Amino acid sequence: MKNLFFILSFICAMNVSALQAQEMKKGMSLFNTGLGLVPGWGINTGYDYGLVDTWGPGIFTIGGYVGYGSWRKSYKTKPANTHPVEYRVNVFAFAPRVTYRYAVNSSFEVYGAMMVGAIAYSYSKFYDNKNDNFFAIALGCRYSFRSNFAVFAETGNCETSYLNGGISYSF
C-alpha cells in the first residue's frame, strides 16, 4: 500500500510541476540526501557546486559525500548441523566528489561521479574494526520537479550502499 501511494504521488507531482524545472548551471549548489539499499540499508548525503561548464555539453561539479550503511552477515560453521553465525557490519564513509552532469532536457539529467575517500568498518563480533581508503564510481540520474527540487537515483557509491535514491535541493 505504501508503494502504491508513493508511485501515485510521484506521477501526480511529475504532471503538475515538470514545466518549472531547471538544469544545473555554473555557480549553482546542489544538496542531496537519500536512502540506500544493498547489501543492507544506508543513508547518504552530498553536496555539489557547479564549477566548469565550458568543457563540453555538460557541467563539472565538485563537492563531497558522506554515507552510512549497515547490514547483517552470516555464515555456517562446520560441521553443517550447527546454527549459522551472524554479525552486523556498520560502514561510515566520506569523500570529496567530482561529478560530470549532462542535461538531457530541462527536467532530466544523467551523471557520473568519482570519489576517493576514507571508510571505517565496525563489526559486532569476530573482527577488529578497521579504517581504509576507497575509490568509487557512481552513475545516476536526477529528475527536477521545480527549479529547486528534484529526485535522484544512483548506483555504485562505495560500500555504504550500492543503490541510492532520494531528494535534491538546488540553490
Protein backbone atom coordinates (compact mmCIF):
# COMPACT_ATOMS: atom_id res chain seq x y z
CA MET A 1 0.00 0.00 0.00
CA LYS A 2 2.85 2.39 0.83
CA ASN A 3 4.48 1.64 -2.53
CA LEU A 4 1.27 2.36 -4.41
CA PHE A 5 0.85 5.67 -2.55
CA PHE A 6 4.46 6.65 -3.35
CA ILE A 7 4.09 5.79 -7.05
CA LEU A 8 0.82 7.71 -7.40
CA SER A 9 2.28 10.71 -5.56
CA PHE A 10 5.33 10.64 -7.82
CA ILE A 11 3.21 10.56 -11.00
CA CYS A 12 0.99 13.41 -9.80
CA ALA A 13 3.97 15.55 -8.86
CA MET A 14 5.60 14.94 -12.26
CA ASN A 15 2.48 16.04 -14.12
CA VAL A 16 1.83 19.15 -12.01
CA SER A 17 5.24 20.77 -11.95
CA ALA A 18 7.50 19.33 -14.64
CA LEU A 19 7.46 22.50 -16.72
CA GLN A 20 9.08 24.58 -13.96
CA ALA A 21 12.33 22.59 -13.76
CA GLN A 22 15.83 23.97 -14.30
CA GLU A 23 19.09 22.21 -15.16
CA MET A 24 22.31 22.53 -13.14
CA LYS A 25 24.34 25.64 -14.04
CA LYS A 26 27.75 27.06 -13.17
CA GLY A 27 27.68 28.65 -9.70
CA MET A 28 24.64 26.65 -8.51
CA SER A 29 24.75 24.45 -5.43
CA LEU A 30 23.01 21.10 -5.09
CA PHE A 31 22.31 19.26 -1.83
CA ASN A 32 21.32 15.56 -1.99
CA THR A 33 20.06 13.32 0.76
CA GLY A 34 18.76 9.81 0.38
CA LEU A 35 18.39 6.23 1.45
CA GLY A 36 20.34 3.29 0.15
CA LEU A 37 19.82 -0.42 -0.30
CA VAL A 38 22.08 -3.41 -0.91
CA PRO A 39 23.79 -5.03 0.85
CA GLY A 40 21.68 -3.68 3.73
CA TRP A 41 20.29 -0.21 4.33
CA GLY A 42 22.08 3.10 4.24
CA ILE A 43 21.72 6.83 4.43
CA ASN A 44 23.78 9.31 2.45
CA THR A 45 24.12 12.98 1.79
CA GLY A 46 26.13 15.01 -0.64
CA TYR A 47 26.84 18.48 -1.89
CA ASP A 48 27.79 19.61 -5.42
CA TYR A 49 28.84 23.02 -6.69
CA GLY A 50 28.64 23.84 -10.42
CA LEU A 51 32.21 24.64 -11.39
CA VAL A 52 33.04 24.25 -15.11
CA ASP A 53 30.56 24.36 -17.98
CA THR A 54 32.91 25.14 -20.87
CA TRP A 55 34.50 21.69 -21.40
CA GLY A 56 31.65 20.17 -23.38
CA PRO A 57 27.89 19.91 -23.42
CA GLY A 58 27.56 19.18 -19.67
CA ILE A 59 28.84 20.66 -16.42
CA PHE A 60 31.51 19.52 -13.96
CA THR A 61 30.70 19.86 -10.27
CA ILE A 62 32.81 19.38 -7.17
CA GLY A 63 31.56 18.56 -3.72
CA GLY A 64 31.51 15.97 -1.02
CA TYR A 65 29.82 12.75 0.04
CA VAL A 66 29.03 11.29 3.46
CA GLY A 67 27.36 7.91 3.86
CA TYR A 68 26.48 5.31 6.48
CA GLY A 69 25.45 1.72 5.83
CA SER A 70 24.57 -1.25 8.00
CA TRP A 71 23.84 -4.88 7.24
CA ARG A 72 23.87 -8.32 8.75
CA LYS A 73 26.15 -11.12 7.58
CA SER A 74 26.02 -14.79 8.41
CA TYR A 75 27.96 -17.91 7.65
CA LYS A 76 27.61 -21.55 8.54
CA THR A 77 30.22 -23.24 10.67
CA LYS A 78 31.45 -26.77 10.28
CA PRO A 79 30.01 -29.33 10.89
CA ALA A 80 26.96 -28.42 8.79
CA ASN A 81 24.41 -29.20 11.50
CA THR A 82 25.31 -26.20 13.68
CA HIS A 83 23.48 -22.89 13.61
CA PRO A 84 24.74 -20.09 11.36
CA VAL A 85 26.87 -17.40 12.97
CA GLU A 86 25.56 -13.86 12.48
CA TYR A 87 27.17 -10.48 12.98
CA ARG A 88 26.49 -6.86 12.00
CA VAL A 89 28.67 -4.65 9.80
CA ASN A 90 28.48 -0.85 10.06
CA VAL A 91 30.24 1.32 7.47
CA PHE A 92 30.88 5.07 7.53
CA ALA A 93 32.41 6.84 4.51
CA PHE A 94 33.25 10.37 3.49
CA ALA A 95 34.96 11.69 0.39
CA PRO A 96 35.38 14.60 -1.97
CA ARG A 97 33.42 14.01 -5.16
CA VAL A 98 33.79 15.16 -8.79
CA THR A 99 30.71 14.81 -10.99
CA TYR A 100 30.01 15.30 -14.68
CA ARG A 101 26.35 16.14 -15.30
CA TYR A 102 24.64 16.13 -18.67
CA ALA A 103 21.14 17.61 -19.02
CA VAL A 104 19.03 15.52 -21.39
CA ASN A 105 16.37 18.25 -21.16
CA SER A 106 15.50 20.96 -18.64
CA SER A 107 13.97 18.41 -16.24
CA PHE A 108 16.16 15.31 -16.55
CA GLU A 109 19.91 14.82 -16.25
CA VAL A 110 22.28 11.88 -16.11
CA TYR A 111 25.63 11.95 -14.34
CA GLY A 112 28.74 10.07 -13.43
CA ALA A 113 30.80 10.73 -10.30
CA MET A 114 34.20 9.70 -8.92
CA MET A 115 35.21 9.69 -5.26
CA VAL A 116 38.39 8.94 -3.34
CA GLY A 117 37.94 8.99 0.41
CA ALA A 118 38.08 7.33 3.79
CA ILE A 119 35.92 4.49 5.04
CA ALA A 120 35.55 2.96 8.52
CA TYR A 121 34.22 -0.53 9.22
CA SER A 122 32.77 -1.58 12.55
CA TYR A 123 31.87 -5.21 13.30
CA SER A 124 29.65 -6.50 16.11
CA LYS A 125 31.65 -9.75 16.52
CA PHE A 126 34.72 -11.66 15.39
CA TYR A 127 36.58 -8.94 13.52
CA ASP A 128 38.58 -5.90 14.55
CA ASN A 129 37.29 -2.53 13.43
CA LYS A 130 39.30 -1.09 10.56
CA ASN A 131 39.79 2.11 8.60
CA ASP A 132 40.67 2.18 4.93
CA ASN A 133 40.69 4.29 1.77
CA PHE A 134 38.30 3.75 -1.10
CA PHE A 135 37.78 4.69 -4.73
CA ALA A 136 34.25 4.65 -6.11
CA ILE A 137 32.40 5.47 -9.29
CA ALA A 138 28.70 6.30 -9.22
CA LEU A 139 26.22 6.58 -12.09
CA GLY A 140 22.89 8.26 -11.64
CA CYS A 141 20.05 10.40 -12.86
CA ARG A 142 18.10 13.33 -11.45
CA TYR A 143 14.58 14.46 -12.32
CA SER A 144 13.61 18.05 -11.42
CA PHE A 145 10.06 18.89 -10.42
CA ARG A 146 10.62 22.58 -9.82
CA SER A 147 13.55 24.93 -10.25
CA ASN A 148 14.99 23.87 -6.88
CA PHE A 149 13.52 20.41 -6.08
CA ALA A 150 14.34 17.03 -7.66
CA VAL A 151 14.57 13.30 -7.01
CA PHE A 152 17.66 11.25 -7.79
CA ALA A 153 18.64 7.62 -8.19
CA GLU A 154 22.20 6.31 -8.41
CA THR A 155 24.25 3.19 -8.15
CA GLY A 156 27.85 2.48 -7.24
CA ASN A 157 28.60 4.54 -4.08
CA CYS A 158 31.47 2.77 -2.26
CA GLU A 159 30.36 0.20 0.28
CA THR A 160 27.74 2.09 2.30
CA SER A 161 25.04 1.09 -0.20
CA TYR A 162 25.07 0.24 -3.89
CA LEU A 163 21.59 1.54 -4.82
CA ASN A 164 20.64 5.02 -3.61
CA GLY A 165 17.66 7.27 -4.12
CA GLY A 166 16.38 10.44 -2.55
CA ILE A 167 15.73 14.14 -2.95
CA SER A 168 17.85 17.04 -4.21
CA TYR A 169 17.58 20.70 -3.43
CA SER A 170 19.39 23.27 -5.57
CA PHE A 171 20.12 26.88 -4.66
